Amino acid sequence: MDWHDSTAWIAFGLIGNALFFSRFMIQWLASEKAGKSIVPTAFWYLSIGGSAILLIYAVHKRDPVFILAYLPNAFVYMRNLQLIKRHEDGPTRLARGAESGIADAEG
């Protein structure tokens, strides 16, 4: 274990780890409240933040294993946010299409 890094970098990495872990707590609490398994939008924002911080920390440490582990994550998390937004905007898009006589191709 390498504890020879600066205190600031270790704190930065621990903050990233805590942020990344907190997404699981948010998901668990939301699921308990709903009585079924759900993934709240906050889960994806915490995923992006925690993953980005841990990626920066991995680059600082020059650790190729962790760099490759965290590098693609943000794309997946952002795509999930896009899908959520599309789903939330769906009825609005459908209503606009119906008013203009144009069918929504994305359904």
N, C-alpha and C. Protein backbone atom coordinates (compact mmCIF):
# COMPACT_ATOMS: atom_id res chain seq x y z
N MET A 1 0.85 -1.17 0.00
CA MET A 1 0.00 0.00 0.00
C MET A 1 0.89 1.24 0.00
N ASP A 2 0.55 2.18 -0.88
CA ASP A 2 1.36 3.38 -1.04
C ASP A 2 0.73 4.55 -0.28
N TRP A 3 1.26 4.83 0.90
CA TRP A 3 0.78 5.96 1.70
C TRP A 3 1.75 7.13 1.62
N HIS A 4 2.60 7.11 0.59
CA HIS A 4 3.63 8.13 0.47
C HIS A 4 3.20 9.32 -0.39
N ASP A 5 1.97 9.33 -0.84
CA ASP A 5 1.48 10.44 -1.63
C ASP A 5 1.15 11.61 -0.70
N SER A 6 0.96 12.78 -1.27
CA SER A 6 0.63 13.94 -0.44
C SER A 6 -0.75 13.75 0.20
N THR A 7 -0.92 14.38 1.32
CA THR A 7 -2.20 14.29 2.04
C THR A 7 -3.34 14.81 1.18
N ALA A 8 -3.09 15.84 0.39
CA ALA A 8 -4.13 16.40 -0.47
C ALA A 8 -4.59 15.38 -1.52
N TRP A 9 -3.65 14.65 -2.13
CA TRP A 9 -4.03 13.66 -3.13
C TRP A 9 -4.76 12.48 -2.49
N ILE A 10 -4.31 12.07 -1.33
CA ILE A 10 -5.00 10.97 -0.63
C ILE A 10 -6.41 11.40 -0.27
N ALA A 11 -6.57 12.62 0.22
CA ALA A 11 -7.91 13.14 0.55
C ALA A 11 -8.78 13.22 -0.69
N PHE A 12 -8.20 13.67 -1.81
CA PHE A 12 -8.93 13.76 -3.07
C PHE A 12 -9.43 12.38 -3.49
N GLY A 13 -8.57 11.39 -3.43
CA GLY A 13 -8.96 10.02 -3.78
C GLY A 13 -10.02 9.47 -2.85
N LEU A 14 -9.90 9.75 -1.57
CA LEU A 14 -10.91 9.28 -0.61
C LEU A 14 -12.26 9.96 -0.82
N ILE A 15 -12.23 11.23 -1.20
CA ILE A 15 -13.48 11.94 -1.50
C ILE A 15 -14.15 11.30 -2.72
N GLY A 16 -13.37 11.00 -3.74
CA GLY A 16 -13.91 10.32 -4.92
C GLY A 16 -14.51 8.98 -4.57
N ASN A 17 -13.82 8.24 -3.72
CA ASN A 17 -14.31 6.93 -3.30
C ASN A 17 -15.60 7.07 -2.50
N ALA A 18 -15.67 8.06 -1.62
CA ALA A 18 -16.87 8.28 -0.82
C ALA A 18 -18.05 8.70 -1.71
N LEU A 19 -17.78 9.55 -2.68
CA LEU A 19 -18.82 9.99 -3.61
C LEU A 19 -19.33 8.81 -4.42
N PHE A 20 -18.41 7.99 -4.91
CA PHE A 20 -18.78 6.82 -5.70
C PHE A 20 -19.59 5.84 -4.85
N PHE A 21 -19.19 5.64 -3.59
CA PHE A 21 -19.93 4.74 -2.70
C PHE A 21 -21.31 5.29 -2.36
N SER A 22 -21.42 6.61 -2.21
CA SER A 22 -22.69 7.20 -1.79
C SER A 22 -23.81 6.91 -2.77
N ARG A 23 -23.47 6.67 -4.03
CA ARG A 23 -24.50 6.34 -5.02
C ARG A 23 -25.23 5.06 -4.64
N PHE A 24 -24.52 4.11 -4.06
CA PHE A 24 -25.17 2.87 -3.64
C PHE A 24 -26.11 3.12 -2.47
N MET A 25 -25.72 3.99 -1.57
CA MET A 25 -26.58 4.33 -0.44
C MET A 25 -27.86 5.01 -0.93
N ILE A 26 -27.72 5.95 -1.88
CA ILE A 26 -28.87 6.65 -2.44
C ILE A 26 -29.80 5.65 -3.12
N GLN A 27 -29.23 4.73 -3.89
CA GLN A 27 -30.05 3.73 -4.60
C GLN A 27 -30.76 2.82 -3.62
N TRP A 28 -30.05 2.38 -2.60
CA TRP A 28 -30.64 1.48 -1.60
C TRP A 28 -31.77 2.18 -0.85
N LEU A 29 -31.53 3.40 -0.39
CA LEU A 29 -32.56 4.12 0.36
C LEU A 29 -33.79 4.41 -0.51
N ALA A 30 -33.57 4.78 -1.77
CA ALA A 30 -34.70 5.04 -2.67
C ALA A 30 -35.49 3.75 -2.93
N SER A 31 -34.79 2.64 -3.06
CA SER A 31 -35.47 1.36 -3.28
C SER A 31 -36.26 0.94 -2.05
N GLU A 32 -35.68 1.13 -0.87
CA GLU A 32 -36.39 0.80 0.36
C GLU A 32 -37.66 1.64 0.48
N LYS A 33 -37.56 2.92 0.16
CA LYS A 33 -38.70 3.82 0.24
C LYS A 33 -39.80 3.41 -0.74
N ALA A 34 -39.40 3.02 -1.96
CA ALA A 34 -40.35 2.64 -3.00
C ALA A 34 -40.88 1.22 -2.82
N GLY A 35 -40.17 0.42 -2.05
CA GLY A 35 -40.57 -0.97 -1.87
C GLY A 35 -40.23 -1.86 -3.06
N LYS A 36 -39.40 -1.36 -3.95
CA LYS A 36 -38.92 -2.13 -5.09
C LYS A 36 -37.59 -1.54 -5.53
N SER A 37 -36.86 -2.29 -6.33
CA SER A 37 -35.56 -1.83 -6.78
C SER A 37 -35.72 -0.74 -7.84
N ILE A 38 -35.17 0.42 -7.56
CA ILE A 38 -35.18 1.54 -8.51
C ILE A 38 -33.79 2.18 -8.54
N VAL A 39 -33.53 2.93 -9.59
CA VAL A 39 -32.27 3.65 -9.71
C VAL A 39 -32.61 5.13 -9.90
N PRO A 40 -32.48 5.93 -8.85
CA PRO A 40 -32.81 7.36 -8.98
C PRO A 40 -31.78 8.10 -9.83
N THR A 41 -32.18 9.23 -10.38
CA THR A 41 -31.30 10.04 -11.22
C THR A 41 -30.04 10.45 -10.47
N ALA A 42 -30.17 10.70 -9.17
CA ALA A 42 -28.99 11.09 -8.37
C ALA A 42 -27.89 10.03 -8.44
N PHE A 43 -28.27 8.77 -8.59
CA PHE A 43 -27.30 7.68 -8.70
C PHE A 43 -26.34 7.95 -9.85
N TRP A 44 -26.88 8.39 -10.99
CA TRP A 44 -26.05 8.60 -12.17
C TRP A 44 -25.16 9.83 -12.01
N TYR A 45 -25.67 10.89 -11.38
CA TYR A 45 -24.83 12.07 -11.14
C TYR A 45 -23.70 11.76 -10.17
N LEU A 46 -23.99 11.01 -9.12
CA LEU A 46 -22.95 10.61 -8.18
C LEU A 46 -21.94 9.68 -8.86
N SER A 47 -22.43 8.84 -9.76
CA SER A 47 -21.55 7.95 -10.51
C SER A 47 -20.57 8.75 -11.37
N ILE A 48 -21.07 9.77 -12.05
CA ILE A 48 -20.21 10.61 -12.90
C ILE A 48 -19.17 11.33 -12.03
N GLY A 49 -19.62 11.95 -10.95
CA GLY A 49 -18.69 12.70 -10.09
C GLY A 49 -17.64 11.81 -9.46
N GLY A 50 -18.06 10.72 -8.85
CA GLY A 50 -17.12 9.82 -8.20
C GLY A 50 -16.16 9.18 -9.19
N SER A 51 -16.68 8.76 -10.33
CA SER A 51 -15.86 8.13 -11.34
C SER A 51 -14.83 9.12 -11.91
N ALA A 52 -15.24 10.36 -12.14
CA ALA A 52 -14.32 11.37 -12.67
C ALA A 52 -13.19 11.65 -11.68
N ILE A 53 -13.53 11.79 -10.41
CA ILE A 53 -12.50 12.05 -9.40
C ILE A 53 -11.55 10.86 -9.30
N LEU A 54 -12.10 9.64 -9.30
CA LEU A 54 -11.24 8.46 -9.21
C LEU A 54 -10.39 8.30 -10.47
N LEU A 55 -10.91 8.70 -11.63
CA LEU A 55 -10.10 8.66 -12.85
C LEU A 55 -8.94 9.65 -12.76
N ILE A 56 -9.21 10.85 -12.29
CA ILE A 56 -8.14 11.85 -12.12
C ILE A 56 -7.08 11.32 -11.15
N TYR A 57 -7.54 10.72 -10.06
CA TYR A 57 -6.61 10.16 -9.08
C TYR A 57 -5.78 9.02 -9.70
N ALA A 58 -6.43 8.17 -10.51
CA ALA A 58 -5.72 7.05 -11.16
C ALA A 58 -4.68 7.57 -12.14
N VAL A 59 -5.00 8.65 -12.87
CA VAL A 59 -4.03 9.25 -13.78
C VAL A 59 -2.86 9.81 -12.97
N HIS A 60 -3.15 10.48 -11.87
CA HIS A 60 -2.09 10.99 -11.00
C HIS A 60 -1.18 9.86 -10.52
N LYS A 61 -1.78 8.73 -10.17
CA LYS A 61 -0.99 7.59 -9.68
C LYS A 61 -0.33 6.82 -10.82
N ARG A 62 -0.72 7.14 -12.05
CA ARG A 62 -0.21 6.45 -13.24
C ARG A 62 -0.47 4.96 -13.16
N ASP A 63 -1.71 4.63 -12.80
CA ASP A 63 -2.11 3.24 -12.64
C ASP A 63 -2.98 2.84 -13.83
N PRO A 64 -2.42 2.12 -14.81
CA PRO A 64 -3.19 1.81 -16.02
C PRO A 64 -4.42 0.94 -15.76
N VAL A 65 -4.37 0.09 -14.76
CA VAL A 65 -5.52 -0.76 -14.46
C VAL A 65 -6.72 0.09 -14.05
N PHE A 66 -6.52 1.01 -13.13
CA PHE A 66 -7.62 1.85 -12.66
C PHE A 66 -8.00 2.93 -13.68
N ILE A 67 -7.05 3.39 -14.47
CA ILE A 67 -7.38 4.35 -15.54
C ILE A 67 -8.35 3.69 -16.51
N LEU A 68 -8.02 2.47 -16.95
CA LEU A 68 -8.91 1.77 -17.87
C LEU A 68 -10.22 1.36 -17.22
N ALA A 69 -10.23 1.18 -15.92
CA ALA A 69 -11.47 0.82 -15.22
C ALA A 69 -12.44 2.00 -15.16
N TYR A 70 -11.93 3.21 -14.98
CA TYR A 70 -12.80 4.38 -14.80
C TYR A 70 -12.98 5.22 -16.07
N LEU A 71 -12.13 5.03 -17.07
CA LEU A 71 -12.19 5.85 -18.28
C LEU A 71 -13.53 5.78 -19.01
N PRO A 72 -14.08 4.60 -19.28
CA PRO A 72 -15.33 4.56 -20.06
C PRO A 72 -16.60 4.83 -19.26
N ASN A 73 -16.50 4.85 -17.95
CA ASN A 73 -17.70 4.94 -17.11
C ASN A 73 -18.56 6.15 -17.39
N ALA A 74 -17.97 7.31 -17.53
CA ALA A 74 -18.74 8.54 -17.69
C ALA A 74 -19.64 8.48 -18.91
N PHE A 75 -19.20 7.83 -19.97
CA PHE A 75 -20.02 7.71 -21.17
C PHE A 75 -21.30 6.92 -20.89
N VAL A 76 -21.16 5.84 -20.17
CA VAL A 76 -22.32 5.01 -19.83
C VAL A 76 -23.26 5.79 -18.91
N TYR A 77 -22.71 6.47 -17.92
CA TYR A 77 -23.55 7.23 -16.98
C TYR A 77 -24.27 8.38 -17.67
N MET A 78 -23.57 9.08 -18.57
CA MET A 78 -24.21 10.19 -19.29
C MET A 78 -25.29 9.67 -20.24
N ARG A 79 -25.06 8.53 -20.84
CA ARG A 79 -26.07 7.94 -21.72
C ARG A 79 -27.33 7.60 -20.93
N ASN A 80 -27.17 7.07 -19.74
CA ASN A 80 -28.33 6.77 -18.90
C ASN A 80 -29.10 8.05 -18.58
N LEU A 81 -28.40 9.13 -18.31
CA LEU A 81 -29.08 10.41 -18.05
C LEU A 81 -29.82 10.89 -19.29
N GLN A 82 -29.24 10.69 -20.48
CA GLN A 82 -29.92 11.05 -21.72
C GLN A 82 -31.20 10.24 -21.89
N LEU A 83 -31.13 8.95 -21.60
CA LEU A 83 -32.31 8.10 -21.72
C LEU A 83 -33.40 8.50 -20.74
N ILE A 84 -33.00 8.88 -19.53
CA ILE A 84 -33.97 9.35 -18.53
C ILE A 84 -34.63 10.62 -19.03
N LYS A 85 -33.83 11.55 -19.53
CA LYS A 85 -34.38 12.83 -20.02
C LYS A 85 -35.30 12.59 -21.20
N ARG A 86 -34.92 11.72 -22.10
CA ARG A 86 -35.76 11.41 -23.26
C ARG A 86 -37.10 10.84 -22.80
N HIS A 87 -37.05 9.95 -21.83
CA HIS A 87 -38.28 9.35 -21.31
C HIS A 87 -39.16 10.40 -20.63
N GLU A 88 -38.54 11.29 -19.87
CA GLU A 88 -39.31 12.34 -19.19
C GLU A 88 -39.88 13.34 -20.18
N ASP A 89 -39.17 13.60 -21.27
CA ASP A 89 -39.64 14.55 -22.29
C ASP A 89 -40.58 13.90 -23.29
N GLY A 90 -40.71 12.59 -23.24
CA GLY A 90 -41.51 11.85 -24.22
C GLY A 90 -42.91 12.38 -24.43
N PRO A 91 -43.72 12.50 -23.38
CA PRO A 91 -45.09 12.99 -23.59
C PRO A 91 -45.14 14.38 -24.21
N THR A 92 -44.19 15.22 -23.89
CA THR A 92 -44.15 16.57 -24.45
C THR A 92 -43.86 16.50 -25.94
N ARG A 93 -42.88 15.68 -26.33
CA ARG A 93 -42.54 15.52 -27.75
C ARG A 93 -43.72 14.94 -28.51
N LEU A 94 -44.40 13.95 -27.92
CA LEU A 94 -45.54 13.34 -28.59
C LEU A 94 -46.66 14.35 -28.78
N ALA A 95 -46.90 15.17 -27.76
CA ALA A 95 -47.96 16.18 -27.86
C ALA A 95 -47.63 17.21 -28.94
N ARG A 96 -46.38 17.63 -29.02
CA ARG A 96 -45.98 18.59 -30.06
C ARG A 96 -46.14 17.98 -31.44
N GLY A 97 -45.77 16.71 -31.57
CA GLY A 97 -45.91 16.02 -32.86
C GLY A 97 -47.36 15.89 -33.27
N ALA A 98 -48.24 15.59 -32.32
CA ALA A 98 -49.66 15.44 -32.62
C ALA A 98 -50.26 16.78 -33.04
N GLU A 99 -49.82 17.85 -32.38
CA GLU A 99 -50.34 19.18 -32.72
C GLU A 99 -49.93 19.59 -34.12
N SER A 100 -48.72 19.19 -34.52
CA SER A 100 -48.23 19.60 -35.83
C SER A 100 -48.56 18.58 -36.91
N GLY A 101 -49.15 17.45 -36.50
CA GLY A 101 -49.51 16.40 -37.46
C GLY A 101 -48.34 15.52 -37.82
N ILE A 102 -47.24 15.61 -37.07
CA ILE A 102 -46.04 14.81 -37.33
C ILE A 102 -45.94 13.72 -36.26
N ALA A 103 -45.77 12.50 -36.68
CA ALA A 103 -45.61 11.39 -35.73
C ALA A 103 -44.19 11.38 -35.20
N ASP A 104 -44.04 11.02 -33.94
CA ASP A 104 -42.71 10.94 -33.31
C ASP A 104 -42.08 9.61 -33.69
N ALA A 105 -40.97 9.65 -34.38
CA ALA A 105 -40.29 8.44 -34.85
C ALA A 105 -39.64 7.67 -33.71
N GLU A 106 -39.28 8.37 -32.61
CA GLU A 106 -38.59 7.69 -31.52
C GLU A 106 -39.57 7.02 -30.57
N GLY A 107 -40.82 7.34 -30.64
CA GLY A 107 -41.88 6.70 -29.87
C GLY A 107 -41.77 6.83 -28.45
